[in-house]
Protein backbone atom coordinates (compact mmCIF):
# COMPACT_ATOMS: atom_id res chain seq x y z
CA MET A 1 -25.01 -30.32 12.51
CA ALA A 2 -22.25 -27.96 11.36
CA LYS A 3 -23.07 -24.31 11.66
CA PHE A 4 -20.66 -23.28 8.87
CA ASN A 5 -19.43 -24.66 5.62
CA PHE A 6 -15.76 -23.76 4.99
CA THR A 7 -14.42 -23.82 1.45
CA GLU A 8 -10.80 -23.40 0.56
CA THR A 9 -9.84 -21.01 -2.18
CA SER A 10 -6.83 -21.26 -4.58
CA ILE A 11 -4.73 -19.58 -1.89
CA GLU A 12 -3.81 -21.57 1.19
CA GLY A 13 -5.45 -20.09 4.34
CA LEU A 14 -7.92 -17.86 2.47
CA ILE A 15 -11.27 -19.43 3.23
CA ILE A 16 -14.85 -18.80 2.27
CA ALA A 17 -17.24 -19.36 5.26
CA GLU A 18 -20.92 -19.94 4.63
CA PRO A 19 -23.21 -19.94 7.72
CA THR A 20 -26.17 -22.27 8.07
CA LEU A 21 -29.46 -20.34 7.93
CA TYR A 22 -32.34 -21.41 10.10
CA GLY A 23 -35.47 -19.89 8.60
CA ASP A 24 -39.19 -19.96 8.29
CA LYS A 25 -41.87 -17.60 7.00
CA ARG A 26 -41.02 -15.09 9.71
CA GLY A 27 -37.37 -14.68 8.63
CA TYR A 28 -34.09 -16.39 9.48
CA PHE A 29 -31.44 -16.81 12.15
CA MET A 30 -27.71 -17.53 11.68
CA GLU A 31 -24.53 -17.43 13.62
CA THR A 32 -22.02 -15.05 12.07
CA TYR A 33 -19.10 -16.35 14.09
CA ASN A 34 -18.53 -19.30 16.45
CA GLU A 35 -15.05 -19.65 17.88
CA LYS A 36 -15.38 -23.41 18.41
CA GLU A 37 -16.50 -23.95 14.78
CA PHE A 38 -13.79 -21.71 13.34
CA LYS A 39 -11.05 -23.25 15.44
CA GLY A 40 -12.31 -26.70 14.54
CA ALA A 41 -11.69 -25.72 10.91
CA GLY A 42 -8.15 -24.58 11.70
CA LEU A 43 -9.01 -20.85 11.70
CA ARG A 44 -7.45 -19.66 14.90
CA ALA A 45 -7.67 -15.91 14.93
CA GLU A 46 -8.73 -14.13 18.11
CA PHE A 47 -10.73 -11.09 17.07
CA VAL A 48 -10.40 -7.80 19.03
CA GLN A 49 -12.13 -5.25 16.91
CA ASP A 50 -15.34 -5.08 14.73
CA ASN A 51 -15.80 -2.49 12.02
CA GLU A 52 -18.62 -1.45 9.74
CA SER A 53 -18.82 0.82 6.67
CA ARG A 54 -21.54 1.91 4.23
CA SER A 55 -20.68 2.82 0.68
CA GLU A 56 -22.41 3.66 -2.60
CA HIS A 57 -22.20 1.97 -5.95
CA GLY A 58 -18.72 2.13 -7.52
CA VAL A 59 -16.87 2.90 -4.33
CA LEU A 60 -13.59 0.95 -4.16
CA ARG A 61 -11.87 0.71 -0.76
CA GLY A 62 -8.38 -0.81 -0.91
CA MET A 63 -5.86 -2.28 -1.27
CA HIS A 64 -4.92 -2.02 2.37
CA PHE A 65 -2.84 -3.98 4.91
CA GLN A 66 -1.12 -3.45 8.25
CA ILE A 67 2.67 -3.65 8.21
CA LYS A 68 4.06 -4.45 11.69
CA TYR A 69 0.77 -5.52 13.24
CA PRO A 70 -0.89 -7.64 10.47
CA GLN A 71 -4.59 -8.38 10.87
CA THR A 72 -6.56 -11.53 10.19
CA LYS A 73 -10.06 -10.41 9.06
CA LEU A 74 -13.45 -12.02 8.73
CA VAL A 75 -15.42 -9.92 6.30
CA ARG A 76 -19.08 -9.98 5.24
CA VAL A 77 -21.81 -7.81 3.75
CA LEU A 78 -24.92 -7.05 5.73
CA SER A 79 -26.84 -5.49 2.80
CA GLY A 80 -26.07 -4.93 -0.81
CA GLU A 81 -23.18 -6.64 -2.70
CA VAL A 82 -19.39 -6.15 -3.08
CA PHE A 83 -16.63 -7.81 -5.04
CA ASP A 84 -14.19 -8.56 -2.28
CA VAL A 85 -10.45 -9.14 -3.02
CA ALA A 86 -7.56 -10.48 -0.95
CA VAL A 87 -3.93 -10.54 -2.17
CA ASP A 88 -1.35 -12.84 -0.60
CA LEU A 89 1.59 -10.76 0.73
CA ARG A 90 3.07 -13.46 3.06
CA PRO A 91 6.82 -13.40 2.63
CA GLY A 92 8.03 -16.72 1.12
CA SER A 93 4.52 -17.84 0.14
CA LYS A 94 4.31 -19.87 -3.02
CA THR A 95 1.20 -17.77 -3.95
CA TYR A 96 2.81 -14.32 -3.07
CA GLY A 97 1.09 -11.70 -5.17
CA ALA A 98 -1.80 -13.96 -6.12
CA TRP A 99 -5.36 -12.74 -5.57
CA VAL A 100 -8.80 -14.12 -5.06
CA GLY A 101 -12.08 -12.23 -5.62
CA VAL A 102 -15.46 -13.31 -4.16
CA TYR A 103 -18.92 -11.73 -4.37
CA LEU A 104 -20.22 -11.15 -0.87
CA SER A 105 -23.76 -10.02 -0.41
CA GLY A 106 -26.57 -9.63 2.10
CA GLU A 107 -28.35 -12.35 0.04
CA ASN A 108 -25.67 -15.00 -0.19
CA LYS A 109 -24.36 -14.47 3.39
CA LYS A 110 -20.88 -15.65 2.42
CA MET A 111 -17.93 -14.46 4.45
CA LEU A 112 -14.22 -14.32 3.61
CA TYR A 113 -11.61 -15.32 6.22
CA ILE A 114 -8.46 -13.42 5.30
CA PRO A 115 -5.25 -14.44 7.17
CA GLU A 116 -2.76 -11.87 8.34
CA SER A 117 -0.25 -10.50 5.83
CA PHE A 118 -2.87 -10.17 3.03
CA ALA A 119 -3.90 -6.99 1.36
CA HIS A 120 -7.66 -6.42 1.23
CA GLY A 121 -10.12 -4.31 -0.70
CA PHE A 122 -13.63 -4.29 -2.14
CA LEU A 123 -15.77 -2.70 -4.83
CA VAL A 124 -19.48 -1.97 -4.25
CA THR A 125 -21.48 -3.53 -7.09
CA SER A 126 -24.98 -2.77 -5.75
CA ASP A 127 -26.63 0.66 -5.20
CA THR A 128 -25.23 0.67 -1.64
CA ALA A 129 -23.59 -1.86 0.63
CA VAL A 130 -23.03 -2.19 4.34
CA PHE A 131 -19.75 -4.05 4.99
CA ALA A 132 -18.75 -5.52 8.37
CA TYR A 133 -15.57 -7.20 9.50
CA LYS A 134 -13.73 -8.54 12.49
CA CYS A 135 -10.01 -7.91 13.05
CA SER A 136 -7.41 -9.84 15.07
CA GLU A 137 -5.37 -6.73 15.74
CA PHE A 138 -6.37 -3.19 16.59
CA TYR A 139 -6.20 -0.73 13.70
CA ARG A 140 -3.10 1.50 13.87
CA PRO A 141 -3.25 4.35 11.28
CA GLU A 142 0.55 4.77 11.43
CA ASP A 143 1.01 1.10 10.53
CA GLU A 144 -1.16 1.11 7.40
CA GLY A 145 0.24 0.08 4.07
CA GLY A 146 -1.36 -0.29 0.66
CA PHE A 147 -1.03 -0.39 -3.06
CA ILE A 148 -3.12 1.01 -5.94
CA TYR A 149 -6.13 -1.10 -6.86
CA ASP A 150 -5.19 -1.41 -10.54
CA ASP A 151 -1.52 -2.42 -10.03
CA GLU A 152 -0.58 -4.26 -13.26
CA THR A 153 1.80 -6.61 -11.41
CA ILE A 154 -1.12 -8.03 -9.39
CA GLY A 155 -3.63 -7.84 -12.23
CA ILE A 156 -6.91 -7.85 -10.26
CA LYS A 157 -9.86 -8.20 -12.62
CA TRP A 158 -12.35 -5.78 -11.07
CA PRO A 159 -15.94 -6.08 -12.38
CA ALA A 160 -16.37 -2.36 -12.91
CA ASP A 161 -17.40 -0.85 -16.22
CA THR A 162 -16.72 2.67 -14.98
CA GLU A 163 -13.96 4.43 -13.12
CA PRO A 164 -14.23 3.43 -9.42
CA LYS A 165 -14.82 6.09 -6.73
CA LEU A 166 -11.67 6.28 -4.58
CA SER A 167 -10.73 8.20 -1.47
CA GLU A 168 -7.88 10.68 -1.92
CA LYS A 169 -5.73 8.38 0.24
CA ASP A 170 -6.40 5.33 -1.97
CA ARG A 171 -5.85 7.41 -5.18
CA ARG A 172 -2.29 8.19 -3.98
CA LEU A 173 -1.31 4.58 -3.10
CA PRO A 174 1.87 3.36 -4.85
CA ARG A 175 2.40 0.26 -6.96
CA LEU A 176 3.34 -2.90 -5.02
CA PRO A 177 7.09 -3.63 -5.31
CA LEU A 178 7.29 -7.34 -6.07
């Protein structure tokens, strides 16, 4: 029996992974990553760093990427809900500049596998959210790039009805030169 269901998105290589839950009245168990299963699905990243953040409603983190040391990420939400977005920045890609948004939550257990050379960001849609992700490269602050979340050339349709809460760093991000 497969431990994960992998679903392709409209962008090649950007995959939604849904773990199999084994549960009873006491609770549940699930694998959040299995190298053999992921490699069997063609997802070959070797992860070297795990990260976790907690944010309140309306916090938007993004849009970030690493320049010389791009990271593949496997992202998920432990509690709460976010609208998670990945933007294709792969040079020569037929979907360069295209984006996909997916609701990830502690309830739906969905994960998003984001290949290297994608920008990534998320908006917290619940009261709070705990967000966790694996990275295939170590984070290097001097290598970070990004663009403003509401860049018209990308046209991400964020589900916010109010102004998102941004860090000062994210507020100063430039537009993405296409």
